[in-house]
Amino acid sequence: MTIDVYRNLVRRAWSIREAGLVVGHEQAVALRDVRFVVSEAARQRTLRLRQRAVMAWATGTRCEAPRYPSAIRVRFDPYAGPNFTTEDGTVVLRASLVRFEEDGSCWCVL
């Protein structure tokens, strides 16, 4: 079963969504076979209104996995562009494994 994971800034946790419904919140979670999704309409609304909204998430299959030493950090900033990127600006659309950490960081193995 695939789930969506996104950062909930109010709860300071990762929200877990199944079939469009939030089913829980976790401090840390891992996914495999991940696709990064951005709703461009929601991003444009955020840019226009300067209000936070769920506009970006990762979709994949939940798994148990640590953060590997070879993992690279991925982040999303709606004001910087429409994609998830690495520290050097490389666009990331998919990853084989992603670890979402307690501190709000996202680490992936491509």
Protein backbone atom coordinates (compact mmCIF):
# COMPACT_ATOMS: atom_id res chain seq x y z
CA MET A 1 0.00 0.00 0.00
CA THR A 2 1.36 3.40 -0.92
CA ILE A 3 1.16 6.32 1.46
CA ASP A 4 1.87 10.02 1.27
CA VAL A 5 4.21 11.71 3.74
CA TYR A 6 4.53 15.46 4.28
CA ARG A 7 5.79 17.72 7.05
CA ASN A 8 3.14 19.09 9.39
CA LEU A 9 4.61 22.37 10.66
CA VAL A 10 2.02 22.81 13.42
CA ARG A 11 2.53 19.36 14.97
CA ARG A 12 6.25 19.30 14.16
CA ALA A 13 5.84 15.76 12.86
CA TRP A 14 5.38 13.90 9.58
CA SER A 15 1.77 13.45 8.51
CA ILE A 16 0.85 10.08 7.04
CA ARG A 17 -1.93 10.07 4.46
CA GLU A 18 -3.63 7.00 2.96
CA ALA A 19 -6.14 7.34 0.11
CA GLY A 20 -6.32 11.08 0.73
CA LEU A 21 -7.04 10.85 4.47
CA VAL A 22 -4.56 11.62 7.25
CA VAL A 23 -4.26 8.45 9.34
CA GLY A 24 -1.53 9.52 11.75
CA HIS A 25 1.57 11.51 12.59
CA GLU A 26 5.08 10.15 13.15
CA GLN A 27 8.33 11.65 14.34
CA ALA A 28 10.31 9.59 11.81
CA VAL A 29 9.33 7.35 8.91
CA ALA A 30 10.93 5.62 5.91
CA LEU A 31 9.56 4.94 2.42
CA ARG A 32 10.81 2.89 -0.52
CA ASP A 33 10.11 3.36 -4.25
CA VAL A 34 9.39 7.04 -3.68
CA ARG A 35 7.98 9.63 -6.04
CA PHE A 36 8.11 13.32 -5.04
CA VAL A 37 4.92 15.23 -5.88
CA VAL A 38 4.26 18.99 -5.99
CA SER A 39 0.84 20.52 -6.64
CA GLU A 40 1.67 23.52 -8.81
CA ALA A 41 -1.78 25.04 -8.22
CA ALA A 42 -1.28 24.93 -4.44
CA ARG A 43 2.25 26.31 -4.82
CA GLN A 44 0.99 29.25 -6.90
CA ARG A 45 -1.74 29.93 -4.33
CA THR A 46 0.90 29.97 -1.58
CA LEU A 47 3.09 32.35 -3.56
CA ARG A 48 0.14 34.66 -4.18
CA LEU A 49 -1.39 34.61 -0.66
CA ARG A 50 1.76 33.91 1.40
CA GLN A 51 -0.16 31.25 3.35
CA ARG A 52 1.13 27.80 4.20
CA ALA A 53 -0.61 24.81 2.63
CA VAL A 54 0.10 21.17 1.83
CA MET A 55 1.54 21.40 -1.65
CA ALA A 56 4.40 18.88 -1.67
CA TRP A 57 4.69 15.31 -0.47
CA ALA A 58 6.43 12.01 -1.04
CA THR A 59 4.50 8.92 -2.16
CA GLY A 60 5.85 5.44 -1.56
CA THR A 61 5.66 2.18 0.36
CA ARG A 62 6.35 2.29 4.08
CA CYS A 63 9.36 0.31 5.27
CA GLU A 64 11.79 0.03 8.16
CA ALA A 65 15.18 1.48 7.23
CA PRO A 66 17.88 3.57 8.88
CA ARG A 67 19.41 6.65 7.29
CA TYR A 68 22.28 5.35 5.19
CA PRO A 69 25.64 7.17 5.19
CA SER A 70 25.38 7.60 1.40
CA ALA A 71 21.98 9.35 1.66
CA ILE A 72 21.72 12.91 0.39
CA ARG A 73 19.51 15.61 1.84
CA VAL A 74 16.47 16.67 -0.16
CA ARG A 75 14.26 19.66 0.54
CA PHE A 76 11.37 21.62 -0.89
CA ASP A 77 11.04 25.40 -0.85
CA PRO A 78 8.02 26.75 -2.72
CA TYR A 79 9.70 30.15 -3.12
CA ALA A 80 12.84 28.64 -4.69
CA GLY A 81 11.08 26.55 -7.34
CA PRO A 82 8.53 23.87 -8.17
CA ASN A 83 10.64 20.80 -7.33
CA PHE A 84 12.33 18.93 -4.52
CA THR A 85 16.08 19.60 -4.76
CA THR A 86 19.40 18.60 -3.23
CA GLU A 87 21.70 21.08 -1.51
CA ASP A 88 23.39 21.89 -4.85
CA GLY A 89 20.07 22.51 -6.65
CA THR A 90 19.74 19.18 -8.47
CA VAL A 91 16.06 18.32 -9.04
CA VAL A 92 14.93 15.04 -7.46
CA LEU A 93 11.77 13.38 -8.80
CA ARG A 94 12.22 9.81 -7.54
CA ALA A 95 14.29 7.87 -5.01
CA SER A 96 14.67 4.22 -4.09
CA LEU A 97 14.64 4.97 -0.34
CA VAL A 98 13.77 8.06 1.69
CA ARG A 99 14.17 8.57 5.43
CA PHE A 100 12.20 11.37 7.09
CA GLU A 101 13.92 12.34 10.36
CA GLU A 102 12.62 13.78 13.65
CA ASP A 103 14.31 17.12 13.01
CA GLY A 104 12.27 17.63 9.83
CA SER A 105 15.03 16.69 7.41
CA CYS A 106 14.54 14.33 4.47
CA TRP A 107 17.35 12.03 3.29
CA CYS A 108 17.23 9.89 0.15
CA VAL A 109 19.14 7.16 -1.62
CA LEU A 110 18.76 7.61 -5.34
